[in-house]
């Protein structure tokens, strides 16, 4: 998989249904790049934005709580566990 604009894949802690998830520039956490209210619980988040830049750090929030910081080391940055895909398995041949 390749990305033409900065994209991150996060796999980690459970984010509950009806919770508000946001992604913000770690240097300007008061200004979210994206905010969304989850319809279902999930443990994975894929996010891409032309506003993100390789070499910058972004923060995922669940409400006011920080889930994790994402250091964009390349156009496609993966953070978290590589197992437990939507079907209970991994992420296909080769995993992450």
C-alpha atoms as a PDB file:
ATOM      1  CA  UNK A   1       0.000   0.000   0.000  1.00  0.00           C
ATOM      2  CA  UNK A   2       1.304   3.456  -0.826  1.00  0.00           C
ATOM      3  CA  UNK A   3      -0.064   6.904  -0.136  1.00  0.00           C
ATOM      4  CA  UNK A   4       0.128  10.045  -2.259  1.00  0.00           C
ATOM      5  CA  UNK A   5      -0.739  12.329   0.663  1.00  0.00           C
ATOM      6  CA  UNK A   6       0.120  11.814   4.344  1.00  0.00           C
ATOM      7  CA  UNK A   7      -1.935   8.960   5.793  1.00  0.00           C
ATOM      8  CA  UNK A   8      -1.772   7.169   9.123  1.00  0.00           C
ATOM      9  CA  UNK A   9      -3.179   3.852  10.224  1.00  0.00           C
ATOM     10  CA  UNK A  10      -3.782   3.508  13.967  1.00  0.00           C
ATOM     11  CA  UNK A  11      -4.636   0.183  15.613  1.00  0.00           C
ATOM     12  CA  UNK A  12      -4.934   0.206  19.388  1.00  0.00           C
ATOM     13  CA  UNK A  13      -7.280   0.977  22.254  1.00  0.00           C
ATOM     14  CA  UNK A  14     -11.047   0.698  21.888  1.00  0.00           C
ATOM     15  CA  UNK A  15     -12.910   3.855  20.962  1.00  0.00           C
ATOM     16  CA  UNK A  16     -16.543   3.557  22.074  1.00  0.00           C
ATOM     17  CA  UNK A  17     -19.661   4.153  20.002  1.00  0.00           C
ATOM     18  CA  UNK A  18     -20.991   7.724  20.280  1.00  0.00           C
ATOM     19  CA  UNK A  19     -17.610   9.058  21.421  1.00  0.00           C
ATOM     20  CA  UNK A  20     -16.055  12.023  19.639  1.00  0.00           C
ATOM     21  CA  UNK A  21     -12.734  11.324  17.922  1.00  0.00           C
ATOM     22  CA  UNK A  22     -10.552  14.152  16.701  1.00  0.00           C
ATOM     23  CA  UNK A  23      -7.168  14.518  15.027  1.00  0.00           C
ATOM     24  CA  UNK A  24      -5.138  17.655  15.708  1.00  0.00           C
ATOM     25  CA  UNK A  25      -1.690  19.040  15.006  1.00  0.00           C
ATOM     26  CA  UNK A  26       0.277  18.295  18.196  1.00  0.00           C
ATOM     27  CA  UNK A  27       1.618  21.877  18.160  1.00  0.00           C
ATOM     28  CA  UNK A  28      -1.888  23.364  17.912  1.00  0.00           C
ATOM     29  CA  UNK A  29      -4.203  20.950  19.736  1.00  0.00           C
ATOM     30  CA  UNK A  30      -6.973  23.559  19.934  1.00  0.00           C
ATOM     31  CA  UNK A  31      -7.464  23.385  16.169  1.00  0.00           C
ATOM     32  CA  UNK A  32      -8.654  19.945  15.040  1.00  0.00           C
ATOM     33  CA  UNK A  33      -8.003  18.810  11.475  1.00  0.00           C
ATOM     34  CA  UNK A  34     -10.949  16.441  11.767  1.00  0.00           C
ATOM     35  CA  UNK A  35     -13.690  15.612  14.283  1.00  0.00           C
ATOM     36  CA  UNK A  36     -16.150  12.728  14.044  1.00  0.00           C
ATOM     37  CA  UNK A  37     -18.704  11.052  16.317  1.00  0.00           C
ATOM     38  CA  UNK A  38     -18.314   7.272  16.065  1.00  0.00           C
ATOM     39  CA  UNK A  39     -21.425   5.326  15.181  1.00  0.00           C
ATOM     40  CA  UNK A  40     -19.871   2.015  16.337  1.00  0.00           C
ATOM     41  CA  UNK A  41     -17.017   1.016  18.632  1.00  0.00           C
ATOM     42  CA  UNK A  42     -13.704   0.475  16.882  1.00  0.00           C
ATOM     43  CA  UNK A  43     -10.003  -0.093  17.507  1.00  0.00           C
ATOM     44  CA  UNK A  44      -8.686   1.100  14.139  1.00  0.00           C
ATOM     45  CA  UNK A  45      -8.525   4.506  12.503  1.00  0.00           C
ATOM     46  CA  UNK A  46      -7.248   5.390   9.045  1.00  0.00           C
ATOM     47  CA  UNK A  47      -6.855   9.094   8.418  1.00  0.00           C
ATOM     48  CA  UNK A  48      -5.479  11.081   5.510  1.00  0.00           C
ATOM     49  CA  UNK A  49      -5.338  14.809   4.913  1.00  0.00           C
ATOM     50  CA  UNK A  50      -3.514  17.132   2.534  1.00  0.00           C
ATOM     51  CA  UNK A  51      -3.052  19.397   5.585  1.00  0.00           C
ATOM     52  CA  UNK A  52      -0.730  16.869   7.271  1.00  0.00           C
ATOM     53  CA  UNK A  53       3.003  16.946   6.618  1.00  0.00           C
ATOM     54  CA  UNK A  54       5.684  14.271   6.859  1.00  0.00           C
ATOM     55  CA  UNK A  55       7.949  15.142   9.803  1.00  0.00           C
ATOM     56  CA  UNK A  56       5.091  16.595  11.877  1.00  0.00           C
ATOM     57  CA  UNK A  57       3.303  15.077  14.881  1.00  0.00           C
ATOM     58  CA  UNK A  58      -0.468  14.688  15.222  1.00  0.00           C
ATOM     59  CA  UNK A  59      -2.589  13.748  18.228  1.00  0.00           C
ATOM     60  CA  UNK A  60      -5.673  11.496  18.257  1.00  0.00           C
ATOM     61  CA  UNK A  61      -8.208  12.429  20.925  1.00  0.00           C
ATOM     62  CA  UNK A  62     -11.192  10.513  22.278  1.00  0.00           C
ATOM     63  CA  UNK A  63     -13.169  13.395  23.741  1.00  0.00           C
ATOM     64  CA  UNK A  64     -10.628  15.316  25.860  1.00  0.00           C
ATOM     65  CA  UNK A  65      -8.407  12.254  26.367  1.00  0.00           C
ATOM     66  CA  UNK A  66      -5.276  11.738  24.287  1.00  0.00           C
ATOM     67  CA  UNK A  67      -5.244   8.311  22.640  1.00  0.00           C
ATOM     68  CA  UNK A  68      -1.792   8.651  21.054  1.00  0.00           C
ATOM     69  CA  UNK A  69       0.576  10.894  19.167  1.00  0.00           C
ATOM     70  CA  UNK A  70       1.404  10.021  15.580  1.00  0.00           C
ATOM     71  CA  UNK A  71       4.854  10.992  14.308  1.00  0.00           C
ATOM     72  CA  UNK A  72       4.498  11.131  10.540  1.00  0.00           C
ATOM     73  CA  UNK A  73       7.761   9.502   9.446  1.00  0.00           C
ATOM     74  CA  UNK A  74       6.575   8.884   5.878  1.00  0.00           C
ATOM     75  CA  UNK A  75       3.503   9.380   3.693  1.00  0.00           C
ATOM     76  CA  UNK A  76       2.126   6.147   5.168  1.00  0.00           C
ATOM     77  CA  UNK A  77       2.719   5.806   8.911  1.00  0.00           C
ATOM     78  CA  UNK A  78       1.417   2.820  10.910  1.00  0.00           C
ATOM     79  CA  UNK A  79       1.019   2.924  14.686  1.00  0.00           C
ATOM     80  CA  UNK A  80      -0.082   0.219  17.110  1.00  0.00           C
ATOM     81  CA  UNK A  81      -0.652  -3.501  17.004  1.00  0.00           C
ATOM     82  CA  UNK A  82      -0.638  -5.319  13.669  1.00  0.00           C
ATOM     83  CA  UNK A  83      -3.134  -8.016  14.612  1.00  0.00           C
ATOM     84  CA  UNK A  84      -6.857  -8.066  15.204  1.00  0.00           C
ATOM     85  CA  UNK A  85      -8.232  -6.815  11.894  1.00  0.00           C
ATOM     86  CA  UNK A  86     -11.971  -6.379  11.351  1.00  0.00           C
ATOM     87  CA  UNK A  87     -12.398 -10.125  10.753  1.00  0.00           C
ATOM     88  CA  UNK A  88     -10.369 -11.026  13.842  1.00  0.00           C
ATOM     89  CA  UNK A  89      -7.284 -11.807  11.771  1.00  0.00           C
ATOM     90  CA  UNK A  90      -4.281  -9.810  10.730  1.00  0.00           C
ATOM     91  CA  UNK A  91      -3.965  -7.358   7.895  1.00  0.00           C
ATOM     92  CA  UNK A  92      -3.510  -9.799   5.046  1.00  0.00           C
ATOM     93  CA  UNK A  93      -0.321 -11.251   3.599  1.00  0.00           C
ATOM     94  CA  UNK A  94       2.702  -9.568   5.076  1.00  0.00           C
ATOM     95  CA  UNK A  95       0.753  -7.950   7.929  1.00  0.00           C
ATOM     96  CA  UNK A  96       1.883  -4.368   8.479  1.00  0.00           C
END
